[in-house]
């Protein structure tokens, strides 16, 4: 999944009912 946000901010994700651990990678405009 790719989530694109309109601005830099503090965002949270809730992995409800996820049976396996997932990783989140944050990419900013400088990468």
C-alpha atoms as a PDB file:
ATOM      1  CA  UNK A   1       0.000   0.000   0.000  1.00  0.00           C
ATOM      2  CA  UNK A   2       1.125   3.522  -0.661  1.00  0.00           C
ATOM      3  CA  UNK A   3      -0.239   6.410   1.376  1.00  0.00           C
ATOM      4  CA  UNK A   4       0.430   9.897   0.026  1.00  0.00           C
ATOM      5  CA  UNK A   5      -0.251  12.794   2.377  1.00  0.00           C
ATOM      6  CA  UNK A   6      -0.631  16.441   1.340  1.00  0.00           C
ATOM      7  CA  UNK A   7       1.828  17.698   3.972  1.00  0.00           C
ATOM      8  CA  UNK A   8       4.354  16.545   6.541  1.00  0.00           C
ATOM      9  CA  UNK A   9       2.690  15.808   9.860  1.00  0.00           C
ATOM     10  CA  UNK A  10       2.428  13.161  12.561  1.00  0.00           C
ATOM     11  CA  UNK A  11       0.325  10.312  11.194  1.00  0.00           C
ATOM     12  CA  UNK A  12      -0.792   7.152  12.960  1.00  0.00           C
ATOM     13  CA  UNK A  13      -1.769   3.722  11.678  1.00  0.00           C
ATOM     14  CA  UNK A  14      -3.792   1.078  13.473  1.00  0.00           C
ATOM     15  CA  UNK A  15      -3.364  -2.467  12.179  1.00  0.00           C
ATOM     16  CA  UNK A  16      -6.628  -3.842  13.568  1.00  0.00           C
ATOM     17  CA  UNK A  17      -7.062  -7.632  13.261  1.00  0.00           C
ATOM     18  CA  UNK A  18      -3.723  -8.039  11.466  1.00  0.00           C
ATOM     19  CA  UNK A  19      -2.460 -11.559  12.147  1.00  0.00           C
ATOM     20  CA  UNK A  20       1.140 -10.894  11.105  1.00  0.00           C
ATOM     21  CA  UNK A  21       3.446  -7.977  11.933  1.00  0.00           C
ATOM     22  CA  UNK A  22       3.749  -5.361   9.204  1.00  0.00           C
ATOM     23  CA  UNK A  23       6.519  -2.826   8.636  1.00  0.00           C
ATOM     24  CA  UNK A  24       6.005   0.818   7.779  1.00  0.00           C
ATOM     25  CA  UNK A  25       8.638   2.790   5.892  1.00  0.00           C
ATOM     26  CA  UNK A  26       8.451   6.571   5.910  1.00  0.00           C
ATOM     27  CA  UNK A  27       9.742   8.299   2.786  1.00  0.00           C
ATOM     28  CA  UNK A  28      10.027  12.068   2.657  1.00  0.00           C
ATOM     29  CA  UNK A  29      10.704  14.510  -0.156  1.00  0.00           C
ATOM     30  CA  UNK A  30      14.485  14.255   0.403  1.00  0.00           C
ATOM     31  CA  UNK A  31      14.751  10.535  -0.393  1.00  0.00           C
END
